[in-house]
């Protein structure tokens, strides 16, 4: 009955290959419409910005990434000068959906490990 749904679905199961030369078989354990699947996003997101590397263009790009990913995650920003200080900010009115795409875009701009998502 689930295969008659005309919407995208998530199929969970396993692929079984027998020892003989017959084609592998797919064993399906569940089928769910994608609209029914709730993805739990992190509730907190910390972004570390190195002031040695920061520029106006970088910060403008980061703002575009943040405003392009509205969501439930509370945003915290650490402005850091290595070996000297760290200023922690929680910008009012900004929250993000810290999914894999958001983290990849932000880390491409700021460097690997610059984004930490947590509960």
PDB file of N, CA and C in Angstrom:
ATOM      1  N   UNK A   1       0.820  -1.198   0.000  1.00  0.00           N
ATOM      2  CA  UNK A   1       0.000   0.000   0.000  1.00  0.00           C
ATOM      3  C   UNK A   1       0.863   1.261   0.000  1.00  0.00           C
ATOM      4  N   UNK A   2       1.977   1.252   0.736  1.00  0.00           N
ATOM      5  CA  UNK A   2       2.845   2.429   0.818  1.00  0.00           C
ATOM      6  C   UNK A   2       3.485   2.783  -0.521  1.00  0.00           C
ATOM      7  N   UNK A   3       3.669   1.811  -1.373  1.00  0.00           N
ATOM      8  CA  UNK A   3       4.295   2.083  -2.663  1.00  0.00           C
ATOM      9  C   UNK A   3       3.392   2.838  -3.617  1.00  0.00           C
ATOM     10  N   UNK A   4       2.117   2.954  -3.298  1.00  0.00           N
ATOM     11  CA  UNK A   4       1.188   3.675  -4.154  1.00  0.00           C
ATOM     12  C   UNK A   4       1.180   5.166  -3.857  1.00  0.00           C
ATOM     13  N   UNK A   5       1.878   5.587  -2.815  1.00  0.00           N
ATOM     14  CA  UNK A   5       1.937   7.003  -2.450  1.00  0.00           C
ATOM     15  C   UNK A   5       2.654   7.764  -3.553  1.00  0.00           C
ATOM     16  N   UNK A   6       2.102   8.905  -3.951  1.00  0.00           N
ATOM     17  CA  UNK A   6       2.713   9.701  -5.007  1.00  0.00           C
ATOM     18  C   UNK A   6       3.496  10.879  -4.438  1.00  0.00           C
ATOM     19  N   UNK A   7       4.237  10.624  -3.371  1.00  0.00           N
ATOM     20  CA  UNK A   7       5.093  11.631  -2.751  1.00  0.00           C
ATOM     21  C   UNK A   7       6.456  10.989  -2.503  1.00  0.00           C
ATOM     22  N   UNK A   8       7.501  11.808  -2.321  1.00  0.00           N
ATOM     23  CA  UNK A   8       8.812  11.232  -1.998  1.00  0.00           C
ATOM     24  C   UNK A   8       8.746  10.463  -0.682  1.00  0.00           C
ATOM     25  N   UNK A   9       9.471   9.332  -0.638  1.00  0.00           N
ATOM     26  CA  UNK A   9       9.451   8.495   0.561  1.00  0.00           C
ATOM     27  C   UNK A   9      10.874   8.159   0.995  1.00  0.00           C
ATOM     28  N   UNK A  10      11.000   7.790   2.262  1.00  0.00           N
ATOM     29  CA  UNK A  10      12.242   7.266   2.811  1.00  0.00           C
ATOM     30  C   UNK A  10      12.047   5.775   2.976  1.00  0.00           C
ATOM     31  N   UNK A  11      12.927   5.002   2.351  1.00  0.00           N
ATOM     32  CA  UNK A  11      12.851   3.547   2.435  1.00  0.00           C
ATOM     33  C   UNK A  11      14.033   3.069   3.276  1.00  0.00           C
ATOM     34  N   UNK A  12      13.742   2.314   4.340  1.00  0.00           N
ATOM     35  CA  UNK A  12      14.793   1.726   5.166  1.00  0.00           C
ATOM     36  C   UNK A  12      14.793   0.225   4.933  1.00  0.00           C
ATOM     37  N   UNK A  13      15.975  -0.335   4.885  1.00  0.00           N
ATOM     38  CA  UNK A  13      16.073  -1.770   4.676  1.00  0.00           C
ATOM     39  C   UNK A  13      17.510  -2.192   4.489  1.00  0.00           C
ATOM     40  N   UNK A  14      17.679  -3.344   3.882  1.00  0.00           N
ATOM     41  CA  UNK A  14      19.028  -3.850   3.652  1.00  0.00           C
ATOM     42  C   UNK A  14      19.069  -4.594   2.323  1.00  0.00           C
ATOM     43  N   UNK A  15      20.260  -4.677   1.782  1.00  0.00           N
ATOM     44  CA  UNK A  15      20.489  -5.376   0.533  1.00  0.00           C
ATOM     45  C   UNK A  15      21.111  -6.724   0.876  1.00  0.00           C
ATOM     46  N   UNK A  16      20.491  -7.799   0.375  1.00  0.00           N
ATOM     47  CA  UNK A  16      20.993  -9.145   0.663  1.00  0.00           C
ATOM     48  C   UNK A  16      21.477  -9.790  -0.621  1.00  0.00           C
ATOM     49  N   UNK A  17      22.680 -10.295  -0.556  1.00  0.00           N
ATOM     50  CA  UNK A  17      23.235 -11.013  -1.703  1.00  0.00           C
ATOM     51  C   UNK A  17      23.420 -12.472  -1.294  1.00  0.00           C
ATOM     52  N   UNK A  18      22.818 -13.364  -2.062  1.00  0.00           N
ATOM     53  CA  UNK A  18      22.974 -14.794  -1.802  1.00  0.00           C
ATOM     54  C   UNK A  18      24.279 -15.277  -2.419  1.00  0.00           C
ATOM     55  N   UNK A  19      24.708 -16.447  -1.977  1.00  0.00           N
ATOM     56  CA  UNK A  19      25.962 -17.004  -2.486  1.00  0.00           C
ATOM     57  C   UNK A  19      25.875 -17.416  -3.946  1.00  0.00           C
ATOM     58  N   UNK A  20      24.659 -17.749  -4.389  1.00  0.00           N
ATOM     59  CA  UNK A  20      24.549 -18.141  -5.794  1.00  0.00           C
ATOM     60  C   UNK A  20      24.604 -16.891  -6.672  1.00  0.00           C
ATOM     61  N   UNK A  21      24.458 -17.049  -7.958  1.00  0.00           N
ATOM     62  CA  UNK A  21      24.630 -15.940  -8.885  1.00  0.00           C
ATOM     63  C   UNK A  21      23.337 -15.165  -9.144  1.00  0.00           C
ATOM     64  N   UNK A  22      22.325 -15.336  -8.344  1.00  0.00           N
ATOM     65  CA  UNK A  22      21.087 -14.587  -8.569  1.00  0.00           C
ATOM     66  C   UNK A  22      21.285 -13.124  -8.143  1.00  0.00           C
ATOM     67  N   UNK A  23      20.408 -12.283  -8.615  1.00  0.00           N
ATOM     68  CA  UNK A  23      20.500 -10.846  -8.323  1.00  0.00           C
ATOM     69  C   UNK A  23      20.294 -10.587  -6.829  1.00  0.00           C
ATOM     70  N   UNK A  24      20.967  -9.579  -6.264  1.00  0.00           N
ATOM     71  CA  UNK A  24      20.762  -9.240  -4.851  1.00  0.00           C
ATOM     72  C   UNK A  24      19.301  -8.853  -4.610  1.00  0.00           C
ATOM     73  N   UNK A  25      18.855  -9.027  -3.374  1.00  0.00           N
ATOM     74  CA  UNK A  25      17.469  -8.728  -3.029  1.00  0.00           C
ATOM     75  C   UNK A  25      17.427  -7.594  -2.017  1.00  0.00           C
ATOM     76  N   UNK A  26      16.434  -6.762  -2.157  1.00  0.00           N
ATOM     77  CA  UNK A  26      16.236  -5.652  -1.236  1.00  0.00           C
ATOM     78  C   UNK A  26      15.188  -6.061  -0.217  1.00  0.00           C
ATOM     79  N   UNK A  27      15.549  -6.020   1.054  1.00  0.00           N
ATOM     80  CA  UNK A  27      14.618  -6.329   2.134  1.00  0.00           C
ATOM     81  C   UNK A  27      14.214  -5.013   2.786  1.00  0.00           C
ATOM     82  N   UNK A  28      12.963  -4.606   2.612  1.00  0.00           N
ATOM     83  CA  UNK A  28      12.473  -3.320   3.111  1.00  0.00           C
ATOM     84  C   UNK A  28      11.876  -3.507   4.499  1.00  0.00           C
ATOM     85  N   UNK A  29      12.336  -2.674   5.451  1.00  0.00           N
ATOM     86  CA  UNK A  29      11.779  -2.751   6.807  1.00  0.00           C
ATOM     87  C   UNK A  29      10.748  -1.653   7.065  1.00  0.00           C
ATOM     88  N   UNK A  30      10.851  -0.515   6.346  1.00  0.00           N
ATOM     89  CA  UNK A  30       9.840   0.536   6.518  1.00  0.00           C
ATOM     90  C   UNK A  30       9.861   1.495   5.338  1.00  0.00           C
ATOM     91  N   UNK A  31       8.697   2.105   5.100  1.00  0.00           N
ATOM     92  CA  UNK A  31       8.545   3.135   4.075  1.00  0.00           C
ATOM     93  C   UNK A  31       7.760   4.267   4.720  1.00  0.00           C
ATOM     94  N   UNK A  32       8.313   5.487   4.665  1.00  0.00           N
ATOM     95  CA  UNK A  32       7.634   6.644   5.251  1.00  0.00           C
ATOM     96  C   UNK A  32       7.655   7.802   4.273  1.00  0.00           C
ATOM     97  N   UNK A  33       6.532   8.524   4.132  1.00  0.00           N
ATOM     98  CA  UNK A  33       6.556   9.755   3.335  1.00  0.00           C
ATOM     99  C   UNK A  33       7.517  10.750   3.988  1.00  0.00           C
ATOM    100  N   UNK A  34       8.324  11.454   3.181  1.00  0.00           N
ATOM    101  CA  UNK A  34       9.290  12.403   3.730  1.00  0.00           C
ATOM    102  C   UNK A  34       8.611  13.494   4.556  1.00  0.00           C
ATOM    103  N   UNK A  35       7.399  13.857   4.184  1.00  0.00           N
ATOM    104  CA  UNK A  35       6.703  14.914   4.932  1.00  0.00           C
ATOM    105  C   UNK A  35       6.359  14.490   6.356  1.00  0.00           C
ATOM    106  N   UNK A  36       6.358  13.201   6.639  1.00  0.00           N
ATOM    107  CA  UNK A  36       6.070  12.710   7.989  1.00  0.00           C
ATOM    108  C   UNK A  36       7.311  12.603   8.876  1.00  0.00           C
ATOM    109  N   UNK A  37       8.467  12.776   8.282  1.00  0.00           N
ATOM    110  CA  UNK A  37       9.705  12.607   9.039  1.00  0.00           C
ATOM    111  C   UNK A  37      10.119  13.945   9.635  1.00  0.00           C
ATOM    112  N   UNK A  38      10.276  13.964  10.923  1.00  0.00           N
ATOM    113  CA  UNK A  38      10.691  15.171  11.633  1.00  0.00           C
ATOM    114  C   UNK A  38      12.196  15.092  11.875  1.00  0.00           C
ATOM    115  N   UNK A  39      12.911  16.070  11.371  1.00  0.00           N
ATOM    116  CA  UNK A  39      14.348  16.123  11.581  1.00  0.00           C
ATOM    117  C   UNK A  39      14.602  17.043  12.763  1.00  0.00           C
ATOM    118  N   UNK A  40      15.309  16.523  13.754  1.00  0.00           N
ATOM    119  CA  UNK A  40      15.603  17.301  14.939  1.00  0.00           C
ATOM    120  C   UNK A  40      16.890  18.089  14.707  1.00  0.00           C
ATOM    121  N   UNK A  41      16.741  19.409  14.669  1.00  0.00           N
ATOM    122  CA  UNK A  41      17.897  20.264  14.475  1.00  0.00           C
ATOM    123  C   UNK A  41      18.457  20.698  15.826  1.00  0.00           C
ATOM    124  N   UNK A  42      19.751  20.991  15.891  1.00  0.00           N
ATOM    125  CA  UNK A  42      20.347  21.444  17.151  1.00  0.00           C
ATOM    126  C   UNK A  42      19.678  22.715  17.664  1.00  0.00           C
ATOM    127  N   UNK A  43      19.595  22.837  18.971  1.00  0.00           N
ATOM    128  CA  UNK A  43      18.973  23.994  19.605  1.00  0.00           C
ATOM    129  C   UNK A  43      19.948  25.151  19.810  1.00  0.00           C
ATOM    130  N   UNK A  44      21.239  24.893  19.727  1.00  0.00           N
ATOM    131  CA  UNK A  44      22.261  25.916  19.931  1.00  0.00           C
ATOM    132  C   UNK A  44      23.343  25.787  18.873  1.00  0.00           C
ATOM    133  N   UNK A  45      23.808  26.930  18.386  1.00  0.00           N
ATOM    134  CA  UNK A  45      24.854  26.960  17.381  1.00  0.00           C
ATOM    135  C   UNK A  45      25.878  28.020  17.788  1.00  0.00           C
ATOM    136  N   UNK A  46      27.144  27.600  17.905  1.00  0.00           N
ATOM    137  CA  UNK A  46      28.209  28.544  18.229  1.00  0.00           C
ATOM    138  C   UNK A  46      29.118  28.659  17.005  1.00  0.00           C
ATOM    139  N   UNK A  47      29.348  29.907  16.586  1.00  0.00           N
ATOM    140  CA  UNK A  47      30.223  30.171  15.452  1.00  0.00           C
ATOM    141  C   UNK A  47      31.447  30.922  15.965  1.00  0.00           C
ATOM    142  N   UNK A  48      32.620  30.376  15.687  1.00  0.00           N
ATOM    143  CA  UNK A  48      33.874  31.003  16.106  1.00  0.00           C
ATOM    144  C   UNK A  48      34.461  31.774  14.936  1.00  0.00           C
ATOM    145  N   UNK A  49      34.746  33.066  15.178  1.00  0.00           N
ATOM    146  CA  UNK A  49      35.325  33.914  14.142  1.00  0.00           C
ATOM    147  C   UNK A  49      36.679  34.404  14.627  1.00  0.00           C
ATOM    148  N   UNK A  50      37.712  34.097  13.881  1.00  0.00           N
ATOM    149  CA  UNK A  50      39.061  34.570  14.188  1.00  0.00           C
ATOM    150  C   UNK A  50      39.183  36.001  13.682  1.00  0.00           C
ATOM    151  N   UNK A  51      39.463  36.927  14.584  1.00  0.00           N
ATOM    152  CA  UNK A  51      39.578  38.327  14.187  1.00  0.00           C
ATOM    153  C   UNK A  51      40.793  38.573  13.297  1.00  0.00           C
ATOM    154  N   UNK A  52      41.794  37.696  13.370  1.00  0.00           N
ATOM    155  CA  UNK A  52      42.957  37.832  12.485  1.00  0.00           C
ATOM    156  C   UNK A  52      42.569  37.602  11.027  1.00  0.00           C
ATOM    157  N   UNK A  53      41.576  36.781  10.799  1.00  0.00           N
ATOM    158  CA  UNK A  53      41.166  36.436   9.439  1.00  0.00           C
ATOM    159  C   UNK A  53      39.906  37.169   8.988  1.00  0.00           C
ATOM    160  N   UNK A  54      39.210  37.847   9.907  1.00  0.00           N
ATOM    161  CA  UNK A  54      37.923  38.472   9.599  1.00  0.00           C
ATOM    162  C   UNK A  54      38.096  39.691   8.683  1.00  0.00           C
ATOM    163  N   UNK A  55      37.138  39.852   7.794  1.00  0.00           N
ATOM    164  CA  UNK A  55      37.080  41.036   6.932  1.00  0.00           C
ATOM    165  C   UNK A  55      35.623  41.442   6.808  1.00  0.00           C
ATOM    166  N   UNK A  56      35.404  42.619   6.313  1.00  0.00           N
ATOM    167  CA  UNK A  56      34.034  43.094   6.124  1.00  0.00           C
ATOM    168  C   UNK A  56      33.290  42.194   5.138  1.00  0.00           C
ATOM    169  N   UNK A  57      33.970  41.769   4.095  1.00  0.00           N
ATOM    170  CA  UNK A  57      33.343  40.886   3.102  1.00  0.00           C
ATOM    171  C   UNK A  57      32.985  39.540   3.724  1.00  0.00           C
ATOM    172  N   UNK A  58      33.889  38.993   4.554  1.00  0.00           N
ATOM    173  CA  UNK A  58      33.619  37.715   5.211  1.00  0.00           C
ATOM    174  C   UNK A  58      32.400  37.827   6.120  1.00  0.00           C
ATOM    175  N   UNK A  59      32.334  38.884   6.910  1.00  0.00           N
ATOM    176  CA  UNK A  59      31.212  39.060   7.827  1.00  0.00           C
ATOM    177  C   UNK A  59      29.907  39.283   7.070  1.00  0.00           C
ATOM    178  N   UNK A  60      29.975  39.980   5.937  1.00  0.00           N
ATOM    179  CA  UNK A  60      28.782  40.155   5.101  1.00  0.00           C
ATOM    180  C   UNK A  60      28.296  38.822   4.549  1.00  0.00           C
ATOM    181  N   UNK A  61      29.236  37.987   4.111  1.00  0.00           N
ATOM    182  CA  UNK A  61      28.875  36.653   3.607  1.00  0.00           C
ATOM    183  C   UNK A  61      28.297  35.792   4.712  1.00  0.00           C
ATOM    184  N   UNK A  62      28.871  35.880   5.916  1.00  0.00           N
ATOM    185  CA  UNK A  62      28.349  35.109   7.046  1.00  0.00           C
ATOM    186  C   UNK A  62      26.927  35.543   7.379  1.00  0.00           C
ATOM    187  N   UNK A  63      26.666  36.832   7.337  1.00  0.00           N
ATOM    188  CA  UNK A  63      25.305  37.322   7.611  1.00  0.00           C
ATOM    189  C   UNK A  63      24.321  36.758   6.589  1.00  0.00           C
ATOM    190  N   UNK A  64      24.726  36.687   5.324  1.00  0.00           N
ATOM    191  CA  UNK A  64      23.863  36.111   4.284  1.00  0.00           C
ATOM    192  C   UNK A  64      23.586  34.639   4.556  1.00  0.00           C
ATOM    193  N   UNK A  65      24.604  33.895   4.985  1.00  0.00           N
ATOM    194  CA  UNK A  65      24.430  32.478   5.308  1.00  0.00           C
ATOM    195  C   UNK A  65      23.456  32.321   6.462  1.00  0.00           C
ATOM    196  N   UNK A  66      23.601  33.156   7.490  1.00  0.00           N
ATOM    197  CA  UNK A  66      22.743  33.084   8.676  1.00  0.00           C
ATOM    198  C   UNK A  66      21.310  33.460   8.340  1.00  0.00           C
ATOM    199  N   UNK A  67      21.112  34.571   7.640  1.00  0.00           N
ATOM    200  CA  UNK A  67      19.742  34.999   7.327  1.00  0.00           C
ATOM    201  C   UNK A  67      19.079  34.077   6.305  1.00  0.00           C
ATOM    202  N   UNK A  68      19.888  33.330   5.548  1.00  0.00           N
ATOM    203  CA  UNK A  68      19.349  32.385   4.574  1.00  0.00           C
ATOM    204  C   UNK A  68      18.968  31.047   5.167  1.00  0.00           C
ATOM    205  N   UNK A  69      19.172  30.875   6.477  1.00  0.00           N
ATOM    206  CA  UNK A  69      18.870  29.590   7.122  1.00  0.00           C
ATOM    207  C   UNK A  69      18.124  29.810   8.437  1.00  0.00           C
ATOM    208  N   UNK A  70      16.939  30.433   8.375  1.00  0.00           N
ATOM    209  CA  UNK A  70      16.198  30.657   9.625  1.00  0.00           C
ATOM    210  C   UNK A  70      15.742  29.330  10.219  1.00  0.00           C
ATOM    211  N   UNK A  71      15.749  29.242  11.540  1.00  0.00           N
ATOM    212  CA  UNK A  71      15.345  28.010  12.197  1.00  0.00           C
ATOM    213  C   UNK A  71      15.321  28.155  13.696  1.00  0.00           C
ATOM    214  N   UNK A  72      15.283  27.038  14.400  1.00  0.00           N
ATOM    215  CA  UNK A  72      15.099  27.060  15.851  1.00  0.00           C
ATOM    216  C   UNK A  72      16.369  27.247  16.673  1.00  0.00           C
ATOM    217  N   UNK A  73      17.542  27.175  16.054  1.00  0.00           N
ATOM    218  CA  UNK A  73      18.797  27.186  16.801  1.00  0.00           C
ATOM    219  C   UNK A  73      19.188  28.560  17.306  1.00  0.00           C
ATOM    220  N   UNK A  74      19.445  28.662  18.608  1.00  0.00           N
ATOM    221  CA  UNK A  74      19.928  29.900  19.204  1.00  0.00           C
ATOM    222  C   UNK A  74      21.345  30.133  18.700  1.00  0.00           C
ATOM    223  N   UNK A  75      21.615  31.327  18.222  1.00  0.00           N
ATOM    224  CA  UNK A  75      22.905  31.647  17.622  1.00  0.00           C
ATOM    225  C   UNK A  75      23.809  32.343  18.631  1.00  0.00           C
ATOM    226  N   UNK A  76      25.028  31.828  18.752  1.00  0.00           N
ATOM    227  CA  UNK A  76      26.051  32.451  19.590  1.00  0.00           C
ATOM    228  C   UNK A  76      27.290  32.628  18.725  1.00  0.00           C
ATOM    229  N   UNK A  77      27.931  33.779  18.861  1.00  0.00           N
ATOM    230  CA  UNK A  77      29.127  34.070  18.067  1.00  0.00           C
ATOM    231  C   UNK A  77      30.278  34.397  18.998  1.00  0.00           C
ATOM    232  N   UNK A  78      31.401  33.731  18.793  1.00  0.00           N
ATOM    233  CA  UNK A  78      32.630  34.019  19.531  1.00  0.00           C
ATOM    234  C   UNK A  78      33.570  34.769  18.601  1.00  0.00           C
ATOM    235  N   UNK A  79      33.939  35.980  18.974  1.00  0.00           N
ATOM    236  CA  UNK A  79      34.966  36.728  18.263  1.00  0.00           C
ATOM    237  C   UNK A  79      36.265  36.507  19.020  1.00  0.00           C
ATOM    238  N   UNK A  80      37.243  35.912  18.359  1.00  0.00           N
ATOM    239  CA  UNK A  80      38.450  35.486  19.058  1.00  0.00           C
ATOM    240  C   UNK A  80      39.706  36.109  18.465  1.00  0.00           C
ATOM    241  N   UNK A  81      40.578  36.541  19.337  1.00  0.00           N
ATOM    242  CA  UNK A  81      41.930  36.923  18.949  1.00  0.00           C
ATOM    243  C   UNK A  81      42.843  35.968  19.695  1.00  0.00           C
ATOM    244  N   UNK A  82      43.458  35.073  18.950  1.00  0.00           N
ATOM    245  CA  UNK A  82      44.239  33.967  19.525  1.00  0.00           C
ATOM    246  C   UNK A  82      45.228  34.451  20.586  1.00  0.00           C
ATOM    247  N   UNK A  83      45.138  33.798  21.744  1.00  0.00           N
ATOM    248  CA  UNK A  83      46.057  34.080  22.826  1.00  0.00           C
ATOM    249  C   UNK A  83      45.774  35.360  23.591  1.00  0.00           C
ATOM    250  N   UNK A  84      44.749  36.117  23.172  1.00  0.00           N
ATOM    251  CA  UNK A  84      44.476  37.394  23.830  1.00  0.00           C
ATOM    252  C   UNK A  84      43.106  37.430  24.497  1.00  0.00           C
ATOM    253  N   UNK A  85      42.037  37.233  23.706  1.00  0.00           N
ATOM    254  CA  UNK A  85      40.702  37.314  24.279  1.00  0.00           C
ATOM    255  C   UNK A  85      39.664  36.657  23.378  1.00  0.00           C
ATOM    256  N   UNK A  86      38.481  36.492  23.952  1.00  0.00           N
ATOM    257  CA  UNK A  86      37.324  35.969  23.234  1.00  0.00           C
ATOM    258  C   UNK A  86      36.099  36.746  23.705  1.00  0.00           C
ATOM    259  N   UNK A  87      35.364  37.332  22.777  1.00  0.00           N
ATOM    260  CA  UNK A  87      34.123  38.036  23.096  1.00  0.00           C
ATOM    261  C   UNK A  87      32.981  37.148  22.639  1.00  0.00           C
ATOM    262  N   UNK A  88      32.065  36.831  23.555  1.00  0.00           N
ATOM    263  CA  UNK A  88      30.924  35.978  23.226  1.00  0.00           C
ATOM    264  C   UNK A  88      29.679  36.841  23.039  1.00  0.00           C
ATOM    265  N   UNK A  89      29.042  36.701  21.881  1.00  0.00           N
ATOM    266  CA  UNK A  89      27.849  37.472  21.543  1.00  0.00           C
ATOM    267  C   UNK A  89      26.680  36.535  21.289  1.00  0.00           C
ATOM    268  N   UNK A  90      25.497  36.999  21.619  1.00  0.00           N
ATOM    269  CA  UNK A  90      24.273  36.293  21.261  1.00  0.00           C
ATOM    270  C   UNK A  90      23.369  37.313  20.574  1.00  0.00           C
ATOM    271  N   UNK A  91      23.513  37.424  19.230  1.00  0.00           N
ATOM    272  CA  UNK A  91      22.775  38.456  18.499  1.00  0.00           C
ATOM    273  C   UNK A  91      21.259  38.290  18.646  1.00  0.00           C
ATOM    274  N   UNK A  92      20.605  39.371  18.984  1.00  0.00           N
ATOM    275  CA  UNK A  92      19.155  39.349  19.159  1.00  0.00           C
ATOM    276  C   UNK A  92      18.474  39.296  17.796  1.00  0.00           C
ATOM    277  N   UNK A  93      17.455  38.475  17.700  1.00  0.00           N
ATOM    278  CA  UNK A  93      16.681  38.381  16.467  1.00  0.00           C
ATOM    279  C   UNK A  93      17.245  37.422  15.427  1.00  0.00           C
ATOM    280  N   UNK A  94      18.304  36.706  15.755  1.00  0.00           N
ATOM    281  CA  UNK A  94      18.876  35.740  14.818  1.00  0.00           C
ATOM    282  C   UNK A  94      18.787  34.344  15.410  1.00  0.00           C
ATOM    283  N   UNK A  95      18.266  33.416  14.629  1.00  0.00           N
ATOM    284  CA  UNK A  95      18.281  32.002  14.971  1.00  0.00           C
ATOM    285  C   UNK A  95      18.452  31.247  13.656  1.00  0.00           C
ATOM    286  N   UNK A  96      18.995  30.043  13.743  1.00  0.00           N
ATOM    287  CA  UNK A  96      19.344  29.332  12.511  1.00  0.00           C
ATOM    288  C   UNK A  96      18.891  27.882  12.522  1.00  0.00           C
ATOM    289  N   UNK A  97      18.743  27.344  11.326  1.00  0.00           N
ATOM    290  CA  UNK A  97      18.518  25.910  11.135  1.00  0.00           C
ATOM    291  C   UNK A  97      19.899  25.325  10.863  1.00  0.00           C
ATOM    292  N   UNK A  98      20.505  24.765  11.882  1.00  0.00           N
ATOM    293  CA  UNK A  98      21.888  24.273  11.775  1.00  0.00           C
ATOM    294  C   UNK A  98      21.929  22.879  11.171  1.00  0.00           C
ATOM    295  N   UNK A  99      21.470  22.769   9.946  1.00  0.00           N
ATOM    296  CA  UNK A  99      21.538  21.493   9.250  1.00  0.00           C
ATOM    297  C   UNK A  99      22.927  21.346   8.619  1.00  0.00           C
ATOM    298  N   UNK A 100      23.157  20.237   7.988  1.00  0.00           N
ATOM    299  CA  UNK A 100      24.462  19.954   7.395  1.00  0.00           C
ATOM    300  C   UNK A 100      24.853  21.015   6.364  1.00  0.00           C
ATOM    301  N   UNK A 101      23.898  21.470   5.560  1.00  0.00           N
ATOM    302  CA  UNK A 101      24.181  22.475   4.534  1.00  0.00           C
ATOM    303  C   UNK A 101      24.638  23.789   5.140  1.00  0.00           C
ATOM    304  N   UNK A 102      23.962  24.230   6.212  1.00  0.00           N
ATOM    305  CA  UNK A 102      24.346  25.472   6.888  1.00  0.00           C
ATOM    306  C   UNK A 102      25.768  25.359   7.429  1.00  0.00           C
ATOM    307  N   UNK A 103      26.058  24.272   8.115  1.00  0.00           N
ATOM    308  CA  UNK A 103      27.381  24.087   8.714  1.00  0.00           C
ATOM    309  C   UNK A 103      28.459  24.046   7.635  1.00  0.00           C
ATOM    310  N   UNK A 104      28.210  23.363   6.530  1.00  0.00           N
ATOM    311  CA  UNK A 104      29.193  23.279   5.448  1.00  0.00           C
ATOM    312  C   UNK A 104      29.458  24.653   4.841  1.00  0.00           C
ATOM    313  N   UNK A 105      28.386  25.445   4.604  1.00  0.00           N
ATOM    314  CA  UNK A 105      28.567  26.786   4.024  1.00  0.00           C
ATOM    315  C   UNK A 105      29.354  27.689   4.972  1.00  0.00           C
ATOM    316  N   UNK A 106      29.004  27.654   6.257  1.00  0.00           N
ATOM    317  CA  UNK A 106      29.690  28.501   7.232  1.00  0.00           C
ATOM    318  C   UNK A 106      31.161  28.087   7.386  1.00  0.00           C
ATOM    319  N   UNK A 107      31.429  26.793   7.424  1.00  0.00           N
ATOM    320  CA  UNK A 107      32.813  26.341   7.583  1.00  0.00           C
ATOM    321  C   UNK A 107      33.634  26.542   6.311  1.00  0.00           C
ATOM    322  N   UNK A 108      33.000  26.540   5.169  1.00  0.00           N
ATOM    323  CA  UNK A 108      33.717  26.860   3.932  1.00  0.00           C
ATOM    324  C   UNK A 108      34.212  28.306   3.993  1.00  0.00           C
ATOM    325  N   UNK A 109      33.411  29.171   4.588  1.00  0.00           N
ATOM    326  CA  UNK A 109      33.772  30.576   4.716  1.00  0.00           C
ATOM    327  C   UNK A 109      34.777  30.823   5.847  1.00  0.00           C
ATOM    328  N   UNK A 110      34.543  30.192   7.011  1.00  0.00           N
ATOM    329  CA  UNK A 110      35.304  30.501   8.215  1.00  0.00           C
ATOM    330  C   UNK A 110      36.416  29.514   8.548  1.00  0.00           C
ATOM    331  N   UNK A 111      36.358  28.330   7.978  1.00  0.00           N
ATOM    332  CA  UNK A 111      37.347  27.299   8.270  1.00  0.00           C
ATOM    333  C   UNK A 111      36.709  26.137   9.003  1.00  0.00           C
ATOM    334  N   UNK A 112      37.309  24.985   8.797  1.00  0.00           N
ATOM    335  CA  UNK A 112      36.800  23.747   9.413  1.00  0.00           C
ATOM    336  C   UNK A 112      36.843  23.849  10.940  1.00  0.00           C
ATOM    337  N   UNK A 113      35.756  23.418  11.581  1.00  0.00           N
ATOM    338  CA  UNK A 113      35.666  23.441  13.029  1.00  0.00           C
ATOM    339  C   UNK A 113      35.161  24.757  13.593  1.00  0.00           C
ATOM    340  N   UNK A 114      34.810  25.709  12.729  1.00  0.00           N
ATOM    341  CA  UNK A 114      34.346  27.018  13.201  1.00  0.00           C
ATOM    342  C   UNK A 114      32.917  26.987  13.717  1.00  0.00           C
ATOM    343  N   UNK A 115      32.148  25.954  13.349  1.00  0.00           N
ATOM    344  CA  UNK A 115      30.750  25.872  13.762  1.00  0.00           C
ATOM    345  C   UNK A 115      30.561  24.674  14.684  1.00  0.00           C
ATOM    346  N   UNK A 116      29.938  24.938  15.819  1.00  0.00           N
ATOM    347  CA  UNK A 116      29.635  23.866  16.774  1.00  0.00           C
ATOM    348  C   UNK A 116      28.127  23.890  17.022  1.00  0.00           C
ATOM    349  N   UNK A 117      27.446  22.798  16.722  1.00  0.00           N
ATOM    350  CA  UNK A 117      26.015  22.671  16.967  1.00  0.00           C
ATOM    351  C   UNK A 117      25.811  21.710  18.134  1.00  0.00           C
ATOM    352  N   UNK A 118      24.957  22.082  19.082  1.00  0.00           N
ATOM    353  CA  UNK A 118      24.739  21.242  20.263  1.00  0.00           C
ATOM    354  C   UNK A 118      23.351  21.491  20.836  1.00  0.00           C
ATOM    355  N   UNK A 119      22.937  20.591  21.748  1.00  0.00           N
ATOM    356  CA  UNK A 119      21.621  20.681  22.389  1.00  0.00           C
ATOM    357  C   UNK A 119      21.605  21.688  23.493  1.00  0.00           C
TER     358      UNK A 119
END
